[in-house]
Amino acid sequence: MINQVILVGRLGKDPETRYMTNNEPVCNFSVATSEKWKDKDGNAQEKTEWHNIVVYRKLAEICQEYLKKGALVYLHGKIVSRKYTGKDGVERIAYDIVCDDMKMLGSKNENGAMSGYSSFPDNANKEPPKPPTGNSPPQTAPAGDDDLGEDDIPF
């Protein structure tokens, strides 16, 4: 039997991290997925589903540090159900996606989550530095500051 989920969607809010009694982090956030189609009359239709995501341990720390509301992500995990009692006293079942793999998608400009990487300088749109004059030695780019284009980001 297989319990496997793959989602590609956008975060509905910034991740929230708590720590369990054994001091391991657990991160929660919501992700929206949408599908679009045309109905029989040719009218555009769209349906959005919201998914509760739960991430544990090191991946939870990574999600907390790099993901932000609106970030486009690929998630792989499994569906887990849990029972809870609502404020009205009625017992309900919630379905969560327990994620064991996450990849950030999208460009650095559309995905604010990626601005935390040092290889994407914040001054990319500013005026380029002037060439050196006189007898000063040539300047070199810092290590790791490759000229990667948006489509060249390795994942």
C-alpha atoms as a PDB file:
ATOM      1  CA  MET A   1       0.000   0.000   0.000  1.00  0.00           C
ATOM      2  CA  ILE A   2       1.174   3.489  -0.780  1.00  0.00           C
ATOM      3  CA  ASN A   3       0.558   6.754   1.045  1.00  0.00           C
ATOM      4  CA  GLN A   4       2.403   9.365  -0.986  1.00  0.00           C
ATOM      5  CA  VAL A   5       1.666  13.011  -1.760  1.00  0.00           C
ATOM      6  CA  ILE A   6       3.397  15.436  -4.115  1.00  0.00           C
ATOM      7  CA  LEU A   7       2.297  19.073  -4.040  1.00  0.00           C
ATOM      8  CA  VAL A   8       3.458  22.173  -5.867  1.00  0.00           C
ATOM      9  CA  GLY A   9       1.899  25.303  -4.437  1.00  0.00           C
ATOM     10  CA  ARG A  10       2.346  28.596  -2.622  1.00  0.00           C
ATOM     11  CA  LEU A  11       2.583  29.205   1.106  1.00  0.00           C
ATOM     12  CA  GLY A  12      -0.476  30.893   2.591  1.00  0.00           C
ATOM     13  CA  LYS A  13       1.445  32.314   5.549  1.00  0.00           C
ATOM     14  CA  ASP A  14       4.923  32.346   7.031  1.00  0.00           C
ATOM     15  CA  PRO A  15       5.947  29.033   8.646  1.00  0.00           C
ATOM     16  CA  GLU A  16       5.570  28.661  12.416  1.00  0.00           C
ATOM     17  CA  THR A  17       8.038  26.518  14.365  1.00  0.00           C
ATOM     18  CA  ARG A  18       7.576  25.001  17.820  1.00  0.00           C
ATOM     19  CA  TYR A  19       9.748  22.586  19.739  1.00  0.00           C
ATOM     20  CA  MET A  20       8.574  19.196  20.978  1.00  0.00           C
ATOM     21  CA  THR A  21       9.401  17.912  24.460  1.00  0.00           C
ATOM     22  CA  ASN A  22      12.523  16.200  23.077  1.00  0.00           C
ATOM     23  CA  ASN A  23      13.653  19.640  21.784  1.00  0.00           C
ATOM     24  CA  GLU A  24      13.178  18.687  18.106  1.00  0.00           C
ATOM     25  CA  PRO A  25      11.632  21.389  15.903  1.00  0.00           C
ATOM     26  CA  VAL A  26       8.285  20.967  14.154  1.00  0.00           C
ATOM     27  CA  CYS A  27       7.263  23.504  11.525  1.00  0.00           C
ATOM     28  CA  ASN A  28       3.698  24.124  10.311  1.00  0.00           C
ATOM     29  CA  PHE A  29       2.433  26.109   7.336  1.00  0.00           C
ATOM     30  CA  SER A  30      -0.339  26.022   4.771  1.00  0.00           C
ATOM     31  CA  VAL A  31       0.057  25.593   1.016  1.00  0.00           C
ATOM     32  CA  ALA A  32      -2.489  26.426  -1.670  1.00  0.00           C
ATOM     33  CA  THR A  33      -2.816  24.426  -4.871  1.00  0.00           C
ATOM     34  CA  SER A  34      -5.123  25.476  -7.701  1.00  0.00           C
ATOM     35  CA  GLU A  35      -6.582  23.948 -10.801  1.00  0.00           C
ATOM     36  CA  LYS A  36      -8.152  25.882 -13.672  1.00  0.00           C
ATOM     37  CA  TRP A  37     -10.549  24.689 -16.349  1.00  0.00           C
ATOM     38  CA  LYS A  38     -13.366  25.846 -18.592  1.00  0.00           C
ATOM     39  CA  ASP A  39     -16.886  24.684 -17.859  1.00  0.00           C
ATOM     40  CA  LYS A  40     -19.308  23.414 -20.499  1.00  0.00           C
ATOM     41  CA  ASP A  41     -20.308  27.019 -21.303  1.00  0.00           C
ATOM     42  CA  GLY A  42     -16.671  28.029 -21.870  1.00  0.00           C
ATOM     43  CA  ASN A  43     -16.401  30.067 -18.658  1.00  0.00           C
ATOM     44  CA  ALA A  44     -13.096  29.967 -16.815  1.00  0.00           C
ATOM     45  CA  GLN A  45     -13.291  28.169 -13.470  1.00  0.00           C
ATOM     46  CA  GLU A  46     -10.739  27.816 -10.695  1.00  0.00           C
ATOM     47  CA  LYS A  47     -10.652  25.766  -7.523  1.00  0.00           C
ATOM     48  CA  THR A  48      -8.103  26.258  -4.766  1.00  0.00           C
ATOM     49  CA  GLU A  49      -7.345  23.621  -2.136  1.00  0.00           C
ATOM     50  CA  TRP A  50      -5.528  24.406   1.124  1.00  0.00           C
ATOM     51  CA  HIS A  51      -3.207  21.847   2.670  1.00  0.00           C
ATOM     52  CA  ASN A  52      -1.821  21.772   6.224  1.00  0.00           C
ATOM     53  CA  ILE A  53       1.890  20.946   6.085  1.00  0.00           C
ATOM     54  CA  VAL A  54       3.951  19.537   8.983  1.00  0.00           C
ATOM     55  CA  VAL A  55       7.746  19.264   8.804  1.00  0.00           C
ATOM     56  CA  TYR A  56      10.095  17.850  11.448  1.00  0.00           C
ATOM     57  CA  ARG A  57      13.740  18.139  12.521  1.00  0.00           C
ATOM     58  CA  LYS A  58      16.391  19.702  10.250  1.00  0.00           C
ATOM     59  CA  LEU A  59      13.971  20.256   7.365  1.00  0.00           C
ATOM     60  CA  ALA A  60      11.720  22.175   9.790  1.00  0.00           C
ATOM     61  CA  GLU A  61      14.607  24.536  10.571  1.00  0.00           C
ATOM     62  CA  ILE A  62      15.297  25.029   6.854  1.00  0.00           C
ATOM     63  CA  CYS A  63      11.626  25.790   6.152  1.00  0.00           C
ATOM     64  CA  GLN A  64      11.497  28.299   9.007  1.00  0.00           C
ATOM     65  CA  GLU A  65      14.624  30.073   7.806  1.00  0.00           C
ATOM     66  CA  TYR A  66      13.992  30.230   4.056  1.00  0.00           C
ATOM     67  CA  LEU A  67      10.260  30.003   3.351  1.00  0.00           C
ATOM     68  CA  LYS A  68       7.939  32.999   3.445  1.00  0.00           C
ATOM     69  CA  LYS A  69       4.297  33.656   2.587  1.00  0.00           C
ATOM     70  CA  GLY A  70       3.786  33.360  -1.180  1.00  0.00           C
ATOM     71  CA  ALA A  71       6.860  31.170  -1.773  1.00  0.00           C
ATOM     72  CA  LEU A  72       6.456  28.522  -4.470  1.00  0.00           C
ATOM     73  CA  VAL A  73       7.458  25.073  -3.184  1.00  0.00           C
ATOM     74  CA  TYR A  74       7.572  21.421  -4.184  1.00  0.00           C
ATOM     75  CA  LEU A  75       6.614  19.106  -1.300  1.00  0.00           C
ATOM     76  CA  HIS A  76       6.768  15.333  -0.978  1.00  0.00           C
ATOM     77  CA  GLY A  77       5.276  13.478   1.955  1.00  0.00           C
ATOM     78  CA  LYS A  78       2.329  11.452   3.221  1.00  0.00           C
ATOM     79  CA  ILE A  79      -1.214  12.072   4.435  1.00  0.00           C
ATOM     80  CA  VAL A  80      -1.745  11.711   8.174  1.00  0.00           C
ATOM     81  CA  SER A  81      -5.084  12.074   9.965  1.00  0.00           C
ATOM     82  CA  ARG A  82      -5.592  13.321  13.498  1.00  0.00           C
ATOM     83  CA  LYS A  83      -8.665  13.617  15.685  1.00  0.00           C
ATOM     84  CA  TYR A  84      -9.472  16.725  17.671  1.00  0.00           C
ATOM     85  CA  THR A  85     -12.425  18.201  19.493  1.00  0.00           C
ATOM     86  CA  GLY A  86     -13.654  21.539  18.190  1.00  0.00           C
ATOM     87  CA  LYS A  87     -14.692  24.488  20.357  1.00  0.00           C
ATOM     88  CA  ASP A  88     -18.283  23.323  19.929  1.00  0.00           C
ATOM     89  CA  GLY A  89     -17.408  19.967  21.530  1.00  0.00           C
ATOM     90  CA  VAL A  90     -17.770  17.991  18.297  1.00  0.00           C
ATOM     91  CA  GLU A  91     -15.012  15.501  17.449  1.00  0.00           C
ATOM     92  CA  ARG A  92     -13.463  16.112  14.042  1.00  0.00           C
ATOM     93  CA  ILE A  93     -10.718  14.698  11.843  1.00  0.00           C
ATOM     94  CA  ALA A  94      -8.029  16.868  10.237  1.00  0.00           C
ATOM     95  CA  TYR A  95      -5.716  15.734   7.465  1.00  0.00           C
ATOM     96  CA  ASP A  96      -2.115  16.930   7.398  1.00  0.00           C
ATOM     97  CA  ILE A  97       0.685  16.397   4.923  1.00  0.00           C
ATOM     98  CA  VAL A  98       3.798  15.258   6.789  1.00  0.00           C
ATOM     99  CA  CYS A  99       6.559  16.445   4.496  1.00  0.00           C
ATOM    100  CA  ASP A 100       9.906  14.662   4.180  1.00  0.00           C
ATOM    101  CA  ASP A 101      11.232  16.567   1.147  1.00  0.00           C
ATOM    102  CA  MET A 102      10.923  20.237   0.172  1.00  0.00           C
ATOM    103  CA  LYS A 103      12.367  22.165  -2.747  1.00  0.00           C
ATOM    104  CA  MET A 104      12.056  25.903  -3.251  1.00  0.00           C
ATOM    105  CA  LEU A 105      10.845  26.790  -6.742  1.00  0.00           C
ATOM    106  CA  GLY A 106      10.442  30.016  -8.661  1.00  0.00           C
ATOM    107  CA  SER A 107      12.853  32.811  -9.387  1.00  0.00           C
ATOM    108  CA  LYS A 108      14.739  34.802  -6.795  1.00  0.00           C
ATOM    109  CA  ASN A 109      12.603  37.844  -7.661  1.00  0.00           C
ATOM    110  CA  GLU A 110       9.214  36.198  -7.223  1.00  0.00           C
ATOM    111  CA  ASN A 111      10.210  34.017  -4.287  1.00  0.00           C
ATOM    112  CA  GLY A 112      11.157  36.247  -1.378  1.00  0.00           C
ATOM    113  CA  ALA A 113      12.130  33.111   0.497  1.00  0.00           C
ATOM    114  CA  MET A 114      15.295  32.848  -1.529  1.00  0.00           C
ATOM    115  CA  SER A 115      16.639  36.235  -0.480  1.00  0.00           C
ATOM    116  CA  GLY A 116      18.284  34.570   2.509  1.00  0.00           C
ATOM    117  CA  TYR A 117      20.963  33.001   0.307  1.00  0.00           C
ATOM    118  CA  SER A 118      24.262  34.883   0.222  1.00  0.00           C
ATOM    119  CA  SER A 119      24.718  34.058  -3.469  1.00  0.00           C
ATOM    120  CA  PHE A 120      21.824  36.381  -4.340  1.00  0.00           C
ATOM    121  CA  PRO A 121      23.046  39.864  -3.338  1.00  0.00           C
ATOM    122  CA  ASP A 122      20.434  42.490  -2.477  1.00  0.00           C
ATOM    123  CA  ASN A 123      22.316  45.101  -4.514  1.00  0.00           C
ATOM    124  CA  ALA A 124      21.821  43.278  -7.841  1.00  0.00           C
ATOM    125  CA  ASN A 125      19.736  46.120  -9.312  1.00  0.00           C
ATOM    126  CA  LYS A 126      22.018  48.953  -8.186  1.00  0.00           C
ATOM    127  CA  GLU A 127      24.534  50.767 -10.365  1.00  0.00           C
ATOM    128  CA  PRO A 128      27.589  48.599 -11.103  1.00  0.00           C
ATOM    129  CA  PRO A 129      30.868  49.592  -9.447  1.00  0.00           C
ATOM    130  CA  LYS A 130      33.169  51.931 -11.345  1.00  0.00           C
ATOM    131  CA  PRO A 131      36.364  50.424 -12.816  1.00  0.00           C
ATOM    132  CA  PRO A 132      39.507  50.932 -10.722  1.00  0.00           C
ATOM    133  CA  THR A 133      41.767  53.845 -11.528  1.00  0.00           C
ATOM    134  CA  GLY A 134      45.455  54.402 -10.893  1.00  0.00           C
ATOM    135  CA  ASN A 135      47.706  51.656  -9.610  1.00  0.00           C
ATOM    136  CA  SER A 136      45.186  49.812  -7.462  1.00  0.00           C
ATOM    137  CA  PRO A 137      45.058  46.013  -7.961  1.00  0.00           C
ATOM    138  CA  PRO A 138      42.091  44.600  -9.913  1.00  0.00           C
ATOM    139  CA  GLN A 139      39.098  43.663  -7.778  1.00  0.00           C
ATOM    140  CA  THR A 140      37.769  40.135  -7.874  1.00  0.00           C
ATOM    141  CA  ALA A 141      34.322  38.878  -6.964  1.00  0.00           C
ATOM    142  CA  PRO A 142      33.999  37.164  -3.584  1.00  0.00           C
ATOM    143  CA  ALA A 143      34.155  33.365  -3.634  1.00  0.00           C
ATOM    144  CA  GLY A 144      30.796  31.786  -4.368  1.00  0.00           C
ATOM    145  CA  ASP A 145      29.388  34.902  -6.046  1.00  0.00           C
ATOM    146  CA  ASP A 146      28.950  33.315  -9.478  1.00  0.00           C
ATOM    147  CA  ASP A 147      26.981  35.066 -12.189  1.00  0.00           C
ATOM    148  CA  LEU A 148      24.032  32.695 -12.062  1.00  0.00           C
ATOM    149  CA  GLY A 149      20.995  33.651 -14.055  1.00  0.00           C
ATOM    150  CA  GLU A 150      17.519  33.056 -12.704  1.00  0.00           C
ATOM    151  CA  ASP A 151      17.220  29.885 -14.769  1.00  0.00           C
ATOM    152  CA  ASP A 152      20.635  28.618 -13.671  1.00  0.00           C
ATOM    153  CA  ILE A 153      19.814  28.139  -9.979  1.00  0.00           C
ATOM    154  CA  PRO A 154      20.843  24.592  -9.038  1.00  0.00           C
ATOM    155  CA  PHE A 155      18.281  22.557  -7.075  1.00  0.00           C
END
